[in-house]
Amino acid sequence: KHIALRRSENYGVSWSVVQMIVKSDGTNDNLNLGSVVVDKRSGAVILQWGGCVHCSCTGSVPKPAPGKCDAKNPMGNVKQIRSTDAGQTWSAVVDISSQLLDQEHPIFKLGEGSGLQLATGEMIVCGRFSNLGADGCNVRLSGGSMAVAGVSSNCGSACIASTDGGMHWARRGGVPATAEFGDNECEPTLLKNGSILLNMRAGDVRLLALSNDKAKTFVDVHPALDLSPVANCQGSMQAVSDGTLLFTAPAGSAKRRNLSLAVSTDEGSSWRYEQVVYSNASAYSSLAP
């Protein structure tokens, strides 16, 4: 896998040719799952990604190359690049793993989608911390009619923060594990009062959690039943200028198709699907206001 870029200078009407900005080193799962965040003060665009994403899980996914995030060397990696000219040129790759990872949190799986910036200038990016564990992050929990891949003690959604324009990062709080639902790929959105709403993948339902302290803690973890059922994959959530929340995901069944747009006018308390964006095969999406 490689990271590629297209640029639009007319709000998405037309796009440039593909530009390869980061190439894989050829090892398994070297580049995977990323998040973009913009420092509105400087204009810098920061792109982050994690390696060894699937190799921390059990199942049929190929195991990593020797010495690359395996049971004997379980540390993953988190890297970033930045652009100060709206994506025309990019910095060298910077490894920020030492700022975020340790033996207790050896892998951080970013995003996907976008991070956000608070009024104070702090930037918040969310993902999932985990370690290899005996069963990775695919432990099955029985949750009645909505049994999903559950959260074991070694896995959970969490956020990181930067107070210096993305040069340095530190871990913030995580989402408490629930008995009924697991949490997986996630995206944060800033509400009008400054709180952070986190929308998470959880099998055929979507989970929401709220933070009132800059992602240090999350409360009110609950399924958004009016967004369900959805396909078991990532979904994207963003707020527009009037505070309306938009959400996109393959809705209506377990199949990854029928990419649909949902709207909330009460900060995520209720949702309604407004339209089907694309009815054929579709999975991950990323909204940008």
Protein backbone atom coordinates (compact mmCIF):
# COMPACT_ATOMS: atom_id res chain seq x y z
CA LYS A 1 0.00 0.00 0.00
CA HIS A 2 1.11 3.55 -0.77
CA ILE A 3 -0.27 6.98 0.09
CA ALA A 4 -1.43 8.95 -2.93
CA LEU A 5 -2.82 12.46 -3.33
CA ARG A 6 -5.07 14.36 -5.70
CA ARG A 7 -5.52 18.13 -5.28
CA SER A 8 -8.50 20.27 -6.26
CA GLU A 9 -8.30 24.05 -6.55
CA ASN A 10 -11.99 24.50 -7.40
CA TYR A 11 -13.79 22.87 -4.46
CA GLY A 12 -13.73 19.38 -5.94
CA VAL A 13 -15.08 20.12 -9.42
CA SER A 14 -11.87 18.82 -10.99
CA TRP A 15 -8.80 17.10 -9.63
CA SER A 16 -5.10 16.85 -10.41
CA VAL A 17 -3.34 13.71 -11.53
CA VAL A 18 -2.34 11.22 -8.84
CA GLN A 19 0.80 12.12 -6.89
CA MET A 20 2.52 9.45 -4.80
CA ILE A 21 3.62 11.10 -1.56
CA VAL A 22 4.65 8.10 0.60
CA LYS A 23 5.64 4.68 -0.71
CA SER A 24 5.57 1.47 1.27
CA ASP A 25 8.86 -0.16 2.15
CA GLY A 26 7.43 -3.44 0.93
CA THR A 27 6.82 -5.10 4.30
CA ASN A 28 3.38 -6.36 5.21
CA ASP A 29 0.96 -3.69 6.43
CA ASN A 30 3.69 -1.04 6.45
CA LEU A 31 1.25 1.75 5.53
CA ASN A 32 -2.31 1.63 6.78
CA LEU A 33 -5.18 3.63 8.23
CA GLY A 34 -4.54 7.35 8.35
CA SER A 35 -5.95 10.65 9.54
CA VAL A 36 -5.61 14.23 8.31
CA VAL A 37 -5.71 17.29 10.54
CA VAL A 38 -5.20 20.96 9.63
CA ASP A 39 -3.59 23.61 11.84
CA LYS A 40 -5.80 26.59 11.00
CA ARG A 41 -3.31 28.98 12.57
CA SER A 42 -0.42 28.11 10.27
CA GLY A 43 -2.28 26.37 7.46
CA ALA A 44 -0.17 23.25 7.86
CA VAL A 45 -1.78 20.00 6.72
CA ILE A 46 -0.66 17.02 8.82
CA LEU A 47 -1.10 13.47 7.56
CA GLN A 48 -0.56 10.60 10.01
CA TRP A 49 -0.71 6.84 9.59
CA GLY A 50 0.08 3.67 11.46
CA GLY A 51 1.82 0.51 10.42
CA CYS A 52 1.06 -3.05 11.42
CA VAL A 53 -2.66 -2.47 11.70
CA HIS A 54 -4.06 -5.83 10.74
CA CYS A 55 -1.15 -7.83 12.10
CA SER A 56 -2.32 -7.07 15.64
CA CYS A 57 -5.45 -9.09 15.02
CA THR A 58 -5.97 -12.80 14.70
CA GLY A 59 -7.62 -14.56 11.81
CA SER A 60 -6.76 -14.94 8.17
CA VAL A 61 -4.82 -11.71 7.75
CA PRO A 62 -1.20 -12.46 6.76
CA LYS A 63 1.27 -12.08 9.59
CA PRO A 64 3.95 -9.38 9.33
CA ALA A 65 7.45 -9.88 8.07
CA PRO A 66 9.94 -11.08 10.72
CA GLY A 67 10.94 -8.30 13.07
CA LYS A 68 8.05 -6.10 11.93
CA CYS A 69 5.53 -5.90 14.76
CA ASP A 70 5.27 -9.58 15.55
CA ALA A 71 4.95 -11.37 18.90
CA LYS A 72 8.68 -11.05 19.54
CA ASN A 73 8.78 -7.39 18.55
CA PRO A 74 5.27 -6.08 19.22
CA MET A 75 5.83 -2.35 18.83
CA GLY A 76 3.97 -0.77 15.93
CA ASN A 77 4.79 2.58 14.39
CA VAL A 78 3.07 5.92 13.94
CA LYS A 79 4.41 8.36 11.37
CA GLN A 80 3.49 11.69 9.90
CA ILE A 81 4.30 14.15 7.14
CA ARG A 82 3.23 17.78 6.81
CA SER A 83 2.58 20.25 4.02
CA THR A 84 2.72 24.02 4.37
CA ASP A 85 1.58 24.75 0.80
CA ALA A 86 -1.79 22.99 0.64
CA GLY A 87 -0.40 19.66 -0.41
CA GLN A 88 1.88 20.74 -3.24
CA THR A 89 4.98 19.55 -1.38
CA TRP A 90 5.49 17.41 1.71
CA SER A 91 8.09 17.08 4.45
CA ALA A 92 10.20 14.03 5.10
CA VAL A 93 8.53 11.24 7.06
CA VAL A 94 8.78 11.72 10.84
CA ASP A 95 8.37 8.78 13.22
CA ILE A 96 6.34 9.86 16.28
CA SER A 97 6.02 6.36 17.76
CA SER A 98 8.16 7.17 20.81
CA GLN A 99 5.77 9.98 21.75
CA LEU A 100 2.74 7.68 21.84
CA LEU A 101 3.68 4.01 22.19
CA ASP A 102 5.03 1.94 25.06
CA GLN A 103 4.81 -1.65 26.20
CA GLU A 104 1.28 -1.13 27.49
CA HIS A 105 0.13 0.64 24.30
CA PRO A 106 2.36 -0.79 21.56
CA ILE A 107 0.05 -0.12 18.60
CA PHE A 108 -2.02 2.95 17.68
CA LYS A 109 -4.40 2.58 14.73
CA LEU A 110 -5.29 6.02 13.45
CA GLY A 111 -8.70 7.24 12.32
CA GLU A 112 -9.76 7.08 9.68
CA GLY A 113 -10.91 10.43 8.38
CA SER A 114 -10.03 13.76 9.97
CA GLY A 115 -8.84 15.15 13.26
CA LEU A 116 -10.00 18.49 14.63
CA GLN A 117 -8.67 21.68 16.19
CA LEU A 118 -10.07 23.22 19.35
CA ALA A 119 -10.58 26.95 19.88
CA THR A 120 -7.45 26.89 22.05
CA GLY A 121 -5.39 25.68 19.09
CA GLU A 122 -4.94 22.12 20.36
CA MET A 123 -5.29 19.47 17.69
CA ILE A 124 -7.04 16.18 18.43
CA VAL A 125 -6.71 12.99 16.39
CA CYS A 126 -8.45 9.76 17.35
CA GLY A 127 -7.96 6.06 16.67
CA ARG A 128 -7.49 2.88 18.65
CA PHE A 129 -4.73 1.77 20.98
CA SER A 130 -4.13 -1.96 21.31
CA ASN A 131 -1.56 -4.64 21.89
CA LEU A 132 -1.20 -8.06 20.33
CA GLY A 133 -2.74 -9.99 23.22
CA ALA A 134 -3.91 -13.57 23.01
CA ASP A 135 -6.84 -12.74 20.76
CA GLY A 136 -5.95 -9.39 19.28
CA CYS A 137 -8.97 -7.08 19.05
CA ASN A 138 -11.40 -9.60 17.64
CA VAL A 139 -12.80 -11.13 20.84
CA ARG A 140 -16.48 -11.90 20.33
CA LEU A 141 -18.88 -10.72 22.99
CA SER A 142 -22.55 -11.66 23.09
CA GLY A 143 -24.65 -8.54 22.84
CA GLY A 144 -28.09 -9.95 22.20
CA SER A 145 -29.34 -9.30 18.69
CA MET A 146 -26.42 -6.96 18.05
CA ALA A 147 -23.44 -9.15 18.89
CA VAL A 148 -20.31 -7.45 17.61
CA ALA A 149 -16.57 -7.73 17.76
CA GLY A 150 -15.95 -6.71 21.35
CA VAL A 151 -13.43 -4.75 23.30
CA SER A 152 -11.04 -6.81 25.34
CA SER A 153 -8.85 -5.22 27.98
CA ASN A 154 -6.15 -4.64 25.37
CA CYS A 155 -8.10 -2.58 22.86
CA GLY A 156 -10.14 0.60 22.72
CA SER A 157 -10.77 3.91 20.96
CA ALA A 158 -8.64 6.77 22.21
CA CYS A 159 -7.28 10.15 21.15
CA ILE A 160 -3.96 11.95 20.94
CA ALA A 161 -3.35 15.69 21.15
CA SER A 162 -0.81 18.29 20.07
CA THR A 163 -0.39 21.76 21.56
CA ASP A 164 2.40 22.93 19.25
CA GLY A 165 0.95 22.68 15.75
CA GLY A 166 1.47 18.96 15.34
CA MET A 167 5.18 18.82 16.06
CA HIS A 168 4.72 16.75 19.22
CA TRP A 169 1.88 14.50 20.36
CA ALA A 170 0.73 12.91 23.61
CA ARG A 171 -1.93 10.37 24.53
CA ARG A 172 -5.27 11.62 25.79
CA GLY A 173 -8.19 9.61 27.16
CA GLY A 174 -9.95 6.54 25.82
CA VAL A 175 -13.48 5.22 25.57
CA PRO A 176 -14.45 2.84 28.38
CA ALA A 177 -15.15 -0.69 27.20
CA THR A 178 -18.80 -1.74 27.37
CA ALA A 179 -20.16 -5.22 27.94
CA GLU A 180 -22.47 -5.08 24.93
CA PHE A 181 -20.50 -3.34 22.23
CA GLY A 182 -16.95 -3.17 20.94
CA ASP A 183 -15.42 -0.06 19.47
CA ASN A 184 -13.17 0.22 16.48
CA GLU A 185 -12.32 2.81 13.81
CA CYS A 186 -13.51 6.26 14.87
CA GLU A 187 -13.72 9.93 13.95
CA PRO A 188 -14.19 12.95 16.27
CA THR A 189 -16.36 15.99 15.60
CA LEU A 190 -16.44 19.30 17.47
CA LEU A 191 -19.87 20.36 18.76
CA LYS A 192 -20.96 23.99 19.02
CA ASN A 193 -20.32 24.12 22.79
CA GLY A 194 -16.75 22.87 22.36
CA SER A 195 -17.41 19.26 23.36
CA ILE A 196 -16.09 16.40 21.24
CA LEU A 197 -18.42 13.73 19.87
CA LEU A 198 -16.75 10.48 18.82
CA ASN A 199 -18.43 8.18 16.30
CA MET A 200 -17.12 4.57 16.31
CA ARG A 201 -17.44 1.39 14.28
CA ALA A 202 -19.04 -1.43 16.28
CA GLY A 203 -20.14 -4.23 14.01
CA ASP A 204 -23.61 -3.53 12.60
CA VAL A 205 -24.22 -0.58 14.92
CA ARG A 206 -22.53 2.78 15.44
CA LEU A 207 -21.29 3.87 18.87
CA LEU A 208 -21.18 7.45 20.12
CA ALA A 209 -19.24 8.88 23.08
CA LEU A 210 -18.90 12.42 24.42
CA SER A 211 -15.94 14.30 25.88
CA ASN A 212 -16.32 17.61 27.72
CA ASP A 213 -12.63 17.95 28.65
CA LYS A 214 -10.66 18.03 25.39
CA ALA A 215 -10.66 14.23 24.90
CA LYS A 216 -9.18 13.48 28.34
CA THR A 217 -12.23 11.39 29.27
CA PHE A 218 -15.28 10.08 27.40
CA VAL A 219 -18.76 9.53 28.84
CA ASP A 220 -22.21 8.51 27.66
CA VAL A 221 -21.02 5.62 25.49
CA HIS A 222 -24.09 4.34 23.67
CA PRO A 223 -25.24 2.87 20.34
CA ALA A 224 -26.83 5.23 17.83
CA LEU A 225 -29.66 2.88 16.95
CA ASP A 226 -31.17 5.18 14.32
CA LEU A 227 -27.92 4.90 12.33
CA SER A 228 -28.16 1.11 12.44
CA PRO A 229 -27.94 -1.35 10.87
CA VAL A 230 -24.78 -0.45 8.96
CA ALA A 231 -22.07 -2.51 7.34
CA ASN A 232 -19.20 -3.46 9.63
CA CYS A 233 -16.75 -0.82 8.42
CA GLN A 234 -15.68 2.76 8.98
CA GLY A 235 -18.09 5.70 8.77
CA SER A 236 -17.39 9.44 8.58
CA MET A 237 -18.93 12.23 10.70
CA GLN A 238 -18.45 15.98 10.34
CA ALA A 239 -20.16 19.15 11.57
CA VAL A 240 -21.04 21.96 9.20
CA SER A 241 -21.11 25.66 10.07
CA ASP A 242 -24.60 25.75 11.61
CA GLY A 243 -23.83 22.79 13.89
CA THR A 244 -25.66 20.18 11.81
CA LEU A 245 -23.89 16.81 11.89
CA LEU A 246 -23.46 14.72 8.75
CA PHE A 247 -22.64 11.01 8.70
CA THR A 248 -21.87 8.66 5.81
CA ALA A 249 -21.65 4.86 5.82
CA PRO A 250 -22.99 1.84 3.91
CA ALA A 251 -26.42 1.63 5.53
CA GLY A 252 -29.28 -0.81 5.70
CA SER A 253 -27.58 -4.20 5.82
CA ALA A 254 -24.37 -6.04 6.57
CA LYS A 255 -23.18 -5.64 2.98
CA ARG A 256 -20.69 -2.95 2.08
CA ARG A 257 -22.85 -1.10 -0.41
CA ASN A 258 -25.53 1.62 -0.38
CA LEU A 259 -23.36 4.51 0.87
CA SER A 260 -25.86 6.80 2.58
CA LEU A 261 -25.95 10.24 4.17
CA ALA A 262 -27.53 10.77 7.60
CA VAL A 263 -28.21 14.12 9.30
CA SER A 264 -28.52 15.16 12.95
CA THR A 265 -29.77 18.60 13.99
CA ASP A 266 -29.57 17.91 17.74
CA GLU A 267 -25.84 17.18 18.11
CA GLY A 268 -26.15 13.43 17.64
CA SER A 269 -29.14 12.70 19.88
CA SER A 270 -31.14 11.57 16.85
CA TRP A 271 -30.41 10.91 13.20
CA ARG A 272 -32.31 10.47 9.96
CA TYR A 273 -31.03 9.11 6.66
CA GLU A 274 -31.58 11.74 3.96
CA GLN A 275 -30.30 10.13 0.77
CA VAL A 276 -28.32 7.34 -0.83
CA VAL A 277 -25.08 8.80 -2.14
CA TYR A 278 -24.04 5.68 -4.07
CA SER A 279 -26.07 2.49 -4.27
CA ASN A 280 -23.38 0.08 -5.47
CA ALA A 281 -20.38 -1.45 -3.71
CA SER A 282 -18.96 1.12 -1.24
CA ALA A 283 -17.23 1.04 2.11
CA TYR A 284 -15.00 3.66 3.76
CA SER A 285 -15.73 7.35 3.26
CA SER A 286 -14.38 10.71 4.37
CA LEU A 287 -16.43 13.92 4.68
CA ALA A 288 -14.86 17.36 4.53
CA PRO A 289 -16.97 20.46 5.22
